Amino acid sequence: KDLEESSLALKEVEKSYDEANEVYDVIMSEKDEKEKARDEAIKAAEARMANAMKEKEILAGKIAKYQEETANLVEQSEDVDSNAKARIVALTKALKTREEQLEEKRAASDKLKEEIATTLAAKTAKVNEMRESTSKFEAASSAEVDRLAVLKKERIESRVEH
């Protein structure tokens, strides 16, 4: 009987041991699955992080390139602005010089017009004086011719009378 009881107790212990082993295997299996899931989640997160780092490096490169291009454009813009301002200054100076030259030419033209008007007035006066003198000379010549004709006629008549 003791043997039977011992045998039964042993069977119960073995059964408890088997159940405990099964529970242990389930726990270990669940633990392995959880660790596997955690490891997979970590690997996925690390892969996403690595991709994000690559994208960050690519974007940083693009940003650096855009900053360089922007700096070049700003520099070119400043050069264009500076050149435009210098050209405006040069054109303004040239325009002022041409305006001064034009004013000088206008003054010279006005002076020449005055000289021409004065000369024309003097020559017109001289021509009028010559016309008047010519008229007086013609009148005097005509009177002299008439007087000579009268004298000639008188002489001829006086000769005819003698």
C-alpha atoms as a PDB file:
ATOM      1  CA  LYS A   1       0.000   0.000   0.000  1.00  0.00           C
ATOM      2  CA  ASP A   2       2.762   2.343   0.763  1.00  0.00           C
ATOM      3  CA  LEU A   3       4.232   1.492  -2.490  1.00  0.00           C
ATOM      4  CA  GLU A   4       1.011   2.210  -4.200  1.00  0.00           C
ATOM      5  CA  GLU A   5       0.619   5.441  -2.398  1.00  0.00           C
ATOM      6  CA  SER A   6       4.180   6.336  -3.168  1.00  0.00           C
ATOM      7  CA  SER A   7       3.623   5.350  -6.730  1.00  0.00           C
ATOM      8  CA  LEU A   8       0.493   7.470  -6.879  1.00  0.00           C
ATOM      9  CA  ALA A   9       2.264  10.352  -5.209  1.00  0.00           C
ATOM     10  CA  LEU A  10       5.112   9.975  -7.675  1.00  0.00           C
ATOM     11  CA  LYS A  11       2.649   9.993 -10.556  1.00  0.00           C
ATOM     12  CA  GLU A  12       1.034  13.116  -9.180  1.00  0.00           C
ATOM     13  CA  VAL A  13       4.417  14.755  -8.752  1.00  0.00           C
ATOM     14  CA  GLU A  14       5.315  13.713 -12.325  1.00  0.00           C
ATOM     15  CA  LYS A  15       1.976  15.058 -13.537  1.00  0.00           C
ATOM     16  CA  SER A  16       2.560  18.317 -11.628  1.00  0.00           C
ATOM     17  CA  TYR A  17       6.067  18.395 -13.026  1.00  0.00           C
ATOM     18  CA  ASP A  18       4.766  17.853 -16.575  1.00  0.00           C
ATOM     19  CA  GLU A  19       2.130  20.553 -16.087  1.00  0.00           C
ATOM     20  CA  ALA A  20       4.760  22.884 -14.672  1.00  0.00           C
ATOM     21  CA  ASN A  21       6.989  22.064 -17.643  1.00  0.00           C
ATOM     22  CA  GLU A  22       4.123  22.782 -20.041  1.00  0.00           C
ATOM     23  CA  VAL A  23       3.394  26.099 -18.268  1.00  0.00           C
ATOM     24  CA  TYR A  24       7.121  26.841 -18.354  1.00  0.00           C
ATOM     25  CA  ASP A  25       7.296  25.989 -22.075  1.00  0.00           C
ATOM     26  CA  VAL A  26       4.233  28.204 -22.746  1.00  0.00           C
ATOM     27  CA  ILE A  27       5.784  31.031 -20.714  1.00  0.00           C
ATOM     28  CA  MET A  28       9.120  30.586 -22.465  1.00  0.00           C
ATOM     29  CA  SER A  29       7.409  30.378 -25.825  1.00  0.00           C
ATOM     30  CA  GLU A  30       5.445  33.558 -25.084  1.00  0.00           C
ATOM     31  CA  LYS A  31       8.652  35.162 -23.815  1.00  0.00           C
ATOM     32  CA  ASP A  32      10.494  34.128 -26.998  1.00  0.00           C
ATOM     33  CA  GLU A  33       7.634  35.437 -29.156  1.00  0.00           C
ATOM     34  CA  LYS A  34       7.604  38.715 -27.233  1.00  0.00           C
ATOM     35  CA  GLU A  35      11.388  39.012 -27.509  1.00  0.00           C
ATOM     36  CA  LYS A  36      11.175  38.127 -31.199  1.00  0.00           C
ATOM     37  CA  ALA A  37       8.410  40.726 -31.719  1.00  0.00           C
ATOM     38  CA  ARG A  38      10.423  43.259 -29.691  1.00  0.00           C
ATOM     39  CA  ASP A  39      13.565  42.478 -31.699  1.00  0.00           C
ATOM     40  CA  GLU A  40      11.599  42.806 -34.947  1.00  0.00           C
ATOM     41  CA  ALA A  41      10.101  46.104 -33.746  1.00  0.00           C
ATOM     42  CA  ILE A  42      13.580  47.324 -32.773  1.00  0.00           C
ATOM     43  CA  LYS A  43      14.990  46.233 -36.162  1.00  0.00           C
ATOM     44  CA  ALA A  44      12.115  47.967 -37.965  1.00  0.00           C
ATOM     45  CA  ALA A  45      12.622  51.115 -35.867  1.00  0.00           C
ATOM     46  CA  GLU A  46      16.384  50.987 -36.506  1.00  0.00           C
ATOM     47  CA  ALA A  47      15.725  50.563 -40.261  1.00  0.00           C
ATOM     48  CA  ARG A  48      13.315  53.515 -40.206  1.00  0.00           C
ATOM     49  CA  MET A  49      15.876  55.505 -38.214  1.00  0.00           C
ATOM     50  CA  ALA A  50      18.631  54.592 -40.700  1.00  0.00           C
ATOM     51  CA  ASN A  51      16.361  55.639 -43.609  1.00  0.00           C
ATOM     52  CA  ALA A  52      15.491  58.834 -41.790  1.00  0.00           C
ATOM     53  CA  MET A  53      19.204  59.539 -41.238  1.00  0.00           C
ATOM     54  CA  LYS A  54      19.905  58.915 -44.936  1.00  0.00           C
ATOM     55  CA  GLU A  55      17.037  61.220 -45.890  1.00  0.00           C
ATOM     56  CA  LYS A  56      18.325  63.782 -43.396  1.00  0.00           C
ATOM     57  CA  GLU A  57      21.786  63.623 -44.992  1.00  0.00           C
ATOM     58  CA  ILE A  58      20.263  63.920 -48.485  1.00  0.00           C
ATOM     59  CA  LEU A  59      18.122  66.862 -47.375  1.00  0.00           C
ATOM     60  CA  ALA A  60      21.098  68.461 -45.616  1.00  0.00           C
ATOM     61  CA  GLY A  61      23.047  68.134 -48.877  1.00  0.00           C
ATOM     62  CA  LYS A  62      20.170  69.650 -50.837  1.00  0.00           C
ATOM     63  CA  ILE A  63      19.839  72.456 -48.302  1.00  0.00           C
ATOM     64  CA  ALA A  64      23.578  73.165 -48.523  1.00  0.00           C
ATOM     65  CA  LYS A  65      23.328  73.156 -52.333  1.00  0.00           C
ATOM     66  CA  TYR A  66      20.311  75.494 -52.255  1.00  0.00           C
ATOM     67  CA  GLN A  67      22.062  77.774 -49.774  1.00  0.00           C
ATOM     68  CA  GLU A  68      25.093  77.919 -52.056  1.00  0.00           C
ATOM     69  CA  GLU A  69      22.893  78.586 -55.094  1.00  0.00           C
ATOM     70  CA  THR A  70      21.003  81.238 -53.139  1.00  0.00           C
ATOM     71  CA  ALA A  71      24.269  82.841 -52.045  1.00  0.00           C
ATOM     72  CA  ASN A  72      25.438  82.829 -55.670  1.00  0.00           C
ATOM     73  CA  LEU A  73      22.148  84.342 -56.809  1.00  0.00           C
ATOM     74  CA  VAL A  74      22.326  86.992 -54.099  1.00  0.00           C
ATOM     75  CA  GLU A  75      25.902  87.786 -55.127  1.00  0.00           C
ATOM     76  CA  GLN A  76      24.907  87.940 -58.797  1.00  0.00           C
ATOM     77  CA  SER A  77      21.929  90.107 -57.902  1.00  0.00           C
ATOM     78  CA  GLU A  78      24.169  92.432 -55.928  1.00  0.00           C
ATOM     79  CA  ASP A  79      26.610  92.558 -58.861  1.00  0.00           C
ATOM     80  CA  VAL A  80      23.763  93.322 -61.277  1.00  0.00           C
ATOM     81  CA  ASP A  81      22.418  95.962 -58.881  1.00  0.00           C
ATOM     82  CA  SER A  82      25.874  97.488 -58.475  1.00  0.00           C
ATOM     83  CA  ASN A  83      26.460  97.438 -62.238  1.00  0.00           C
ATOM     84  CA  ALA A  84      23.038  98.960 -62.862  1.00  0.00           C
ATOM     85  CA  LYS A  85      23.717 101.735 -60.352  1.00  0.00           C
ATOM     86  CA  ALA A  86      27.140 102.406 -61.890  1.00  0.00           C
ATOM     87  CA  ARG A  87      25.575 102.485 -65.362  1.00  0.00           C
ATOM     88  CA  ILE A  88      22.877 104.877 -64.140  1.00  0.00           C
ATOM     89  CA  VAL A  89      25.546 107.153 -62.657  1.00  0.00           C
ATOM     90  CA  ALA A  90      27.569 107.006 -65.895  1.00  0.00           C
ATOM     91  CA  LEU A  91      24.491 107.681 -68.043  1.00  0.00           C
ATOM     92  CA  THR A  92      23.462 110.539 -65.758  1.00  0.00           C
ATOM     93  CA  LYS A  93      26.924 112.101 -66.102  1.00  0.00           C
ATOM     94  CA  ALA A  94      26.846 111.615 -69.873  1.00  0.00           C
ATOM     95  CA  LEU A  95      23.369 113.153 -70.025  1.00  0.00           C
ATOM     96  CA  LYS A  96      24.479 116.155 -67.960  1.00  0.00           C
ATOM     97  CA  THR A  97      27.516 116.585 -70.216  1.00  0.00           C
ATOM     98  CA  ARG A  98      25.320 116.429 -73.316  1.00  0.00           C
ATOM     99  CA  GLU A  99      22.862 118.879 -71.779  1.00  0.00           C
ATOM    100  CA  GLU A 100      25.759 121.255 -71.043  1.00  0.00           C
ATOM    101  CA  GLN A 101      27.051 120.840 -74.616  1.00  0.00           C
ATOM    102  CA  LEU A 102      23.549 121.441 -75.969  1.00  0.00           C
ATOM    103  CA  GLU A 103      23.214 124.570 -73.823  1.00  0.00           C
ATOM    104  CA  GLU A 104      26.606 125.800 -75.084  1.00  0.00           C
ATOM    105  CA  LYS A 105      25.516 125.159 -78.677  1.00  0.00           C
ATOM    106  CA  ARG A 106      22.214 126.938 -78.057  1.00  0.00           C
ATOM    107  CA  ALA A 107      24.063 129.922 -76.608  1.00  0.00           C
ATOM    108  CA  ALA A 108      26.457 129.942 -79.584  1.00  0.00           C
ATOM    109  CA  SER A 109      23.485 129.625 -81.966  1.00  0.00           C
ATOM    110  CA  ASP A 110      21.678 132.505 -80.238  1.00  0.00           C
ATOM    111  CA  LYS A 111      24.834 134.630 -80.415  1.00  0.00           C
ATOM    112  CA  LEU A 112      25.265 133.761 -84.104  1.00  0.00           C
ATOM    113  CA  LYS A 113      21.604 134.639 -84.763  1.00  0.00           C
ATOM    114  CA  GLU A 114      22.143 138.015 -83.068  1.00  0.00           C
ATOM    115  CA  GLU A 115      25.302 138.621 -85.118  1.00  0.00           C
ATOM    116  CA  ILE A 116      23.484 137.634 -88.321  1.00  0.00           C
ATOM    117  CA  ALA A 117      20.551 139.899 -87.419  1.00  0.00           C
ATOM    118  CA  THR A 118      22.935 142.777 -86.669  1.00  0.00           C
ATOM    119  CA  THR A 119      24.876 142.168 -89.892  1.00  0.00           C
ATOM    120  CA  LEU A 120      21.656 141.858 -91.875  1.00  0.00           C
ATOM    121  CA  ALA A 121      20.327 145.088 -90.372  1.00  0.00           C
ATOM    122  CA  ALA A 122      23.618 146.848 -91.187  1.00  0.00           C
ATOM    123  CA  LYS A 123      23.663 145.494 -94.742  1.00  0.00           C
ATOM    124  CA  THR A 124      19.976 146.344 -95.209  1.00  0.00           C
ATOM    125  CA  ALA A 125      20.714 149.886 -94.033  1.00  0.00           C
ATOM    126  CA  LYS A 126      23.725 150.039 -96.389  1.00  0.00           C
ATOM    127  CA  VAL A 127      21.612 148.736 -99.319  1.00  0.00           C
ATOM    128  CA  ASN A 128      18.895 151.271 -98.517  1.00  0.00           C
ATOM    129  CA  GLU A 129      21.524 153.999 -98.305  1.00  0.00           C
ATOM    130  CA  MET A 130      22.976 152.867-101.636  1.00  0.00           C
ATOM    131  CA  ARG A 131      19.508 152.790-103.191  1.00  0.00           C
ATOM    132  CA  GLU A 132      18.847 156.285-101.893  1.00  0.00           C
ATOM    133  CA  SER A 133      22.247 157.427-103.100  1.00  0.00           C
ATOM    134  CA  THR A 134      21.654 155.761-106.458  1.00  0.00           C
ATOM    135  CA  SER A 135      18.256 157.399-106.711  1.00  0.00           C
ATOM    136  CA  LYS A 136      19.780 160.793-105.874  1.00  0.00           C
ATOM    137  CA  PHE A 137      22.608 160.149-108.335  1.00  0.00           C
ATOM    138  CA  GLU A 138      20.123 159.099-111.039  1.00  0.00           C
ATOM    139  CA  ALA A 139      18.021 162.190-110.322  1.00  0.00           C
ATOM    140  CA  ALA A 140      21.129 164.406-110.349  1.00  0.00           C
ATOM    141  CA  SER A 141      22.425 162.691-113.495  1.00  0.00           C
ATOM    142  CA  SER A 142      19.065 163.076-115.151  1.00  0.00           C
ATOM    143  CA  ALA A 143      18.957 166.764-114.131  1.00  0.00           C
ATOM    144  CA  GLU A 144      22.520 167.208-115.375  1.00  0.00           C
ATOM    145  CA  VAL A 145      21.682 165.450-118.647  1.00  0.00           C
ATOM    146  CA  ASP A 146      18.630 167.686-118.975  1.00  0.00           C
ATOM    147  CA  ARG A 147      20.735 170.793-118.147  1.00  0.00           C
ATOM    148  CA  LEU A 148      23.391 169.708-120.657  1.00  0.00           C
ATOM    149  CA  ALA A 149      20.705 169.090-123.238  1.00  0.00           C
ATOM    150  CA  VAL A 150      19.318 172.567-122.564  1.00  0.00           C
ATOM    151  CA  LEU A 151      22.829 174.054-122.834  1.00  0.00           C
ATOM    152  CA  LYS A 152      23.508 172.103-125.986  1.00  0.00           C
ATOM    153  CA  LYS A 153      20.248 173.288-127.452  1.00  0.00           C
ATOM    154  CA  GLU A 154      21.043 176.848-126.415  1.00  0.00           C
ATOM    155  CA  ARG A 155      24.463 176.568-127.983  1.00  0.00           C
ATOM    156  CA  ILE A 156      23.042 175.145-131.137  1.00  0.00           C
ATOM    157  CA  GLU A 157      20.460 177.915-131.221  1.00  0.00           C
ATOM    158  CA  SER A 158      23.039 180.519-130.456  1.00  0.00           C
ATOM    159  CA  ARG A 159      25.191 179.200-133.276  1.00  0.00           C
ATOM    160  CA  VAL A 160      22.274 179.145-135.603  1.00  0.00           C
ATOM    161  CA  GLU A 161      21.534 182.747-134.693  1.00  0.00           C
ATOM    162  CA  HIS A 162      25.028 183.823-135.427  1.00  0.00           C
END
